Amino acid sequence: MVKVVGIGGSLRKDSYTQMALGIAAQRVEALGAEVEILDLRLLQLPFCNGEKEYPDYPDVQRLREATSRADGLILATPEYHGGVSGVLKNALDLMSFDEFSDKVTGLISVLGGQPNSNALNEMRLIMRWVHGWVIPEQIAIGQAWKAFDGEGKLLDEKLSQRFDEFAQSLVENTRKLRGVN
């Protein structure tokens, strides 16, 4: 079975990024994969200082182990000042090639303004650097306050279809590249 870990880079209580990650996880699960969401709002992570071990922070080991066990990843971030959130970047920096090498990854960015691909491109660069495989399908949600209803459901059918295509690509490519069913 394909195992996927989702990591969302927003600390906001009612985060659109977390909503988008949740929708992606549901679509991936509907295709028979197992998904674990690592909620950075609930983990106690230090600022990365380049150390190999962080004994005072057991959640670093939890983050690393969950990512190591996964076949694929979903990374979701709000776009802040044209880039990846500091929270997500820090979490990624606490890991290395050991966790990311040969992992198939899907990318999602959420913006308050117009959709663009700055944060997506930055995440793509990060994953390439640590030898991860990024699927070509990606999701950029602009004007996020218009994308979801009060219950966190998508309002736009075309965007919903993009999530379906994203999930399909992530699961299919993970099966092919990782050799799992």
Protein backbone atom coordinates (compact mmCIF):
# COMPACT_ATOMS: atom_id res chain seq x y z
CA MET A 1 0.00 0.00 0.00
CA VAL A 2 1.21 3.50 -0.84
CA LYS A 3 2.02 5.47 2.32
CA VAL A 4 1.92 9.26 2.11
CA VAL A 5 2.82 11.89 4.69
CA GLY A 6 1.29 15.35 4.43
CA ILE A 7 2.96 18.38 5.98
CA GLY A 8 1.27 21.77 6.09
CA GLY A 9 3.29 24.91 6.65
CA SER A 10 0.69 27.07 8.36
CA LEU A 11 0.22 27.68 12.06
CA ARG A 12 -3.10 29.52 11.69
CA LYS A 13 -6.09 28.13 13.57
CA ASP A 14 -8.49 28.19 10.59
CA SER A 15 -5.80 27.65 7.99
CA TYR A 16 -6.75 27.43 4.32
CA THR A 17 -3.46 25.60 3.79
CA GLN A 18 -4.51 22.90 6.26
CA MET A 19 -7.93 22.73 4.55
CA ALA A 20 -6.27 22.20 1.17
CA LEU A 21 -3.94 19.57 2.64
CA GLY A 22 -6.93 17.79 4.15
CA ILE A 23 -8.75 17.71 0.81
CA ALA A 24 -5.66 16.37 -0.95
CA ALA A 25 -5.29 13.69 1.74
CA GLN A 26 -8.93 12.62 1.31
CA ARG A 27 -8.52 12.32 -2.46
CA VAL A 28 -5.31 10.30 -2.08
CA GLU A 29 -6.97 8.00 0.50
CA ALA A 30 -9.91 7.48 -1.87
CA LEU A 31 -7.40 5.94 -4.29
CA GLY A 32 -6.31 3.35 -1.72
CA ALA A 33 -3.31 5.07 -0.16
CA GLU A 34 -2.68 5.54 3.54
CA VAL A 35 -2.13 9.17 4.58
CA GLU A 36 -0.68 10.58 7.79
CA ILE A 37 -0.86 14.33 8.35
CA LEU A 38 1.94 15.80 10.43
CA ASP A 39 0.42 18.96 11.86
CA LEU A 40 3.24 21.39 12.58
CA ARG A 41 0.88 23.32 14.85
CA LEU A 42 1.03 20.37 17.25
CA LEU A 43 4.74 19.55 17.05
CA GLN A 44 7.42 21.14 19.20
CA LEU A 45 10.24 21.76 16.73
CA PRO A 46 13.36 23.85 17.31
CA PHE A 47 14.85 26.21 14.78
CA CYS A 48 17.22 24.22 12.63
CA ASN A 49 20.81 24.96 13.57
CA GLY A 50 22.47 22.31 11.43
CA GLU A 51 22.84 19.74 14.20
CA LYS A 52 22.29 16.07 13.40
CA GLU A 53 20.38 15.35 16.62
CA TYR A 54 17.93 17.35 18.70
CA PRO A 55 17.58 15.27 21.89
CA ASP A 56 15.50 17.91 23.67
CA TYR A 57 12.89 17.76 20.88
CA PRO A 58 11.43 14.26 20.41
CA ASP A 59 9.09 15.61 17.71
CA VAL A 60 12.10 16.02 15.40
CA GLN A 61 12.60 12.26 15.54
CA ARG A 62 8.85 11.72 15.05
CA LEU A 63 8.93 13.97 11.96
CA ARG A 64 11.96 12.17 10.56
CA GLU A 65 10.61 8.68 11.21
CA ALA A 66 7.20 9.36 9.69
CA THR A 67 8.78 10.89 6.60
CA SER A 68 11.27 8.02 6.31
CA ARG A 69 8.45 5.43 6.38
CA ALA A 70 6.48 7.24 3.66
CA ASP A 71 6.60 6.46 -0.05
CA GLY A 72 5.29 9.88 -0.95
CA LEU A 73 4.72 13.35 0.45
CA ILE A 74 2.26 16.18 0.14
CA LEU A 75 3.78 19.54 1.04
CA ALA A 76 1.39 22.46 1.46
CA THR A 77 2.35 26.02 2.28
CA PRO A 78 0.86 29.45 2.46
CA GLU A 79 2.85 31.81 0.29
CA TYR A 80 4.39 34.54 2.42
CA HIS A 81 6.25 37.37 0.70
CA GLY A 82 6.68 35.32 -2.46
CA GLY A 83 7.96 32.12 -0.88
CA VAL A 84 7.51 29.10 1.35
CA SER A 85 6.46 29.73 4.96
CA GLY A 86 9.28 29.75 7.47
CA VAL A 87 7.54 27.03 9.47
CA LEU A 88 7.56 24.59 6.55
CA LYS A 89 11.10 25.49 5.51
CA ASN A 90 12.33 24.92 9.06
CA ALA A 91 10.60 21.52 9.27
CA LEU A 92 12.16 20.50 5.95
CA ASP A 93 15.58 21.74 7.11
CA LEU A 94 15.37 19.47 10.17
CA MET A 95 15.44 16.51 7.77
CA SER A 96 17.85 15.46 5.03
CA PHE A 97 18.52 13.09 2.14
CA ASP A 98 17.78 10.19 4.50
CA GLU A 99 14.13 11.20 4.70
CA PHE A 100 13.54 12.64 1.22
CA SER A 101 15.64 10.71 -1.28
CA ASP A 102 13.43 9.00 -3.90
CA LYS A 103 10.18 10.22 -2.30
CA VAL A 104 7.42 11.20 -4.71
CA THR A 105 6.07 14.62 -3.74
CA GLY A 106 3.01 16.69 -4.56
CA LEU A 107 3.01 20.44 -3.91
CA ILE A 108 0.25 22.87 -2.87
CA SER A 109 0.43 26.61 -2.26
CA VAL A 110 -2.27 28.85 -0.87
CA LEU A 111 -2.32 32.61 -1.31
CA GLY A 112 -4.46 35.53 -0.22
CA GLY A 113 -3.84 37.25 -3.56
CA GLN A 114 -3.58 36.03 -7.13
CA PRO A 115 -2.26 32.51 -7.70
CA ASN A 116 1.33 32.18 -8.83
CA SER A 117 4.05 29.59 -8.62
CA ASN A 118 6.75 31.20 -6.46
CA ALA A 119 6.30 28.98 -3.40
CA LEU A 120 5.69 25.94 -5.62
CA ASN A 121 8.93 26.58 -7.48
CA GLU A 122 10.80 27.04 -4.20
CA MET A 123 9.47 23.72 -2.84
CA ARG A 124 10.30 22.03 -6.16
CA LEU A 125 13.89 23.30 -5.84
CA ILE A 126 14.15 22.10 -2.23
CA MET A 127 12.89 18.63 -3.11
CA ARG A 128 15.16 18.34 -6.13
CA TRP A 129 18.13 19.29 -3.93
CA VAL A 130 17.37 16.42 -1.52
CA HIS A 131 16.78 13.95 -4.38
CA GLY A 132 12.99 13.83 -4.16
CA TRP A 133 10.71 13.39 -7.19
CA VAL A 134 8.07 16.09 -7.65
CA ILE A 135 4.99 15.31 -9.73
CA PRO A 136 4.15 17.79 -12.51
CA GLU A 137 0.60 18.35 -11.21
CA GLN A 138 0.59 21.06 -8.59
CA ILE A 139 -2.07 23.22 -6.98
CA ALA A 140 -1.95 26.97 -6.39
CA ILE A 141 -5.03 28.39 -4.71
CA GLY A 142 -5.27 32.17 -5.03
CA GLN A 143 -7.72 34.31 -3.10
CA ALA A 144 -8.17 31.43 -0.70
CA TRP A 145 -11.06 33.05 1.15
CA LYS A 146 -13.13 32.51 -2.02
CA ALA A 147 -12.07 28.88 -2.58
CA PHE A 148 -13.73 27.23 0.45
CA ASP A 149 -17.17 27.28 2.01
CA GLY A 150 -17.74 27.62 5.77
CA GLU A 151 -17.17 23.88 6.24
CA GLY A 152 -13.86 23.80 4.34
CA LYS A 153 -15.25 22.32 1.14
CA LEU A 154 -14.10 23.52 -2.28
CA LEU A 155 -16.49 25.85 -4.11
CA ASP A 156 -14.94 25.63 -7.58
CA GLU A 157 -15.52 22.45 -9.60
CA LYS A 158 -12.40 23.03 -11.74
CA LEU A 159 -10.27 23.32 -8.62
CA SER A 160 -11.86 20.13 -7.29
CA GLN A 161 -10.90 18.38 -10.53
CA ARG A 162 -7.32 19.61 -10.10
CA PHE A 163 -7.25 17.94 -6.69
CA ASP A 164 -8.46 14.70 -8.30
CA GLU A 165 -5.73 14.91 -10.97
CA PHE A 166 -3.14 15.76 -8.32
CA ALA A 167 -4.13 12.74 -6.20
CA GLN A 168 -4.19 10.42 -9.20
CA SER A 169 -0.73 11.53 -10.29
CA LEU A 170 0.73 11.28 -6.80
CA VAL A 171 -0.58 7.75 -6.23
CA GLU A 172 0.22 6.43 -9.72
CA ASN A 173 3.72 7.89 -9.82
CA THR A 174 4.46 6.70 -6.29
CA ARG A 175 3.43 3.18 -7.29
CA LYS A 176 5.65 3.32 -10.37
CA LEU A 177 8.71 4.97 -8.85
CA ARG A 178 8.64 3.25 -5.47
CA GLY A 179 7.38 -0.14 -6.64
CA VAL A 180 4.49 -0.36 -4.17
CA ASN A 181 0.84 -1.29 -4.75
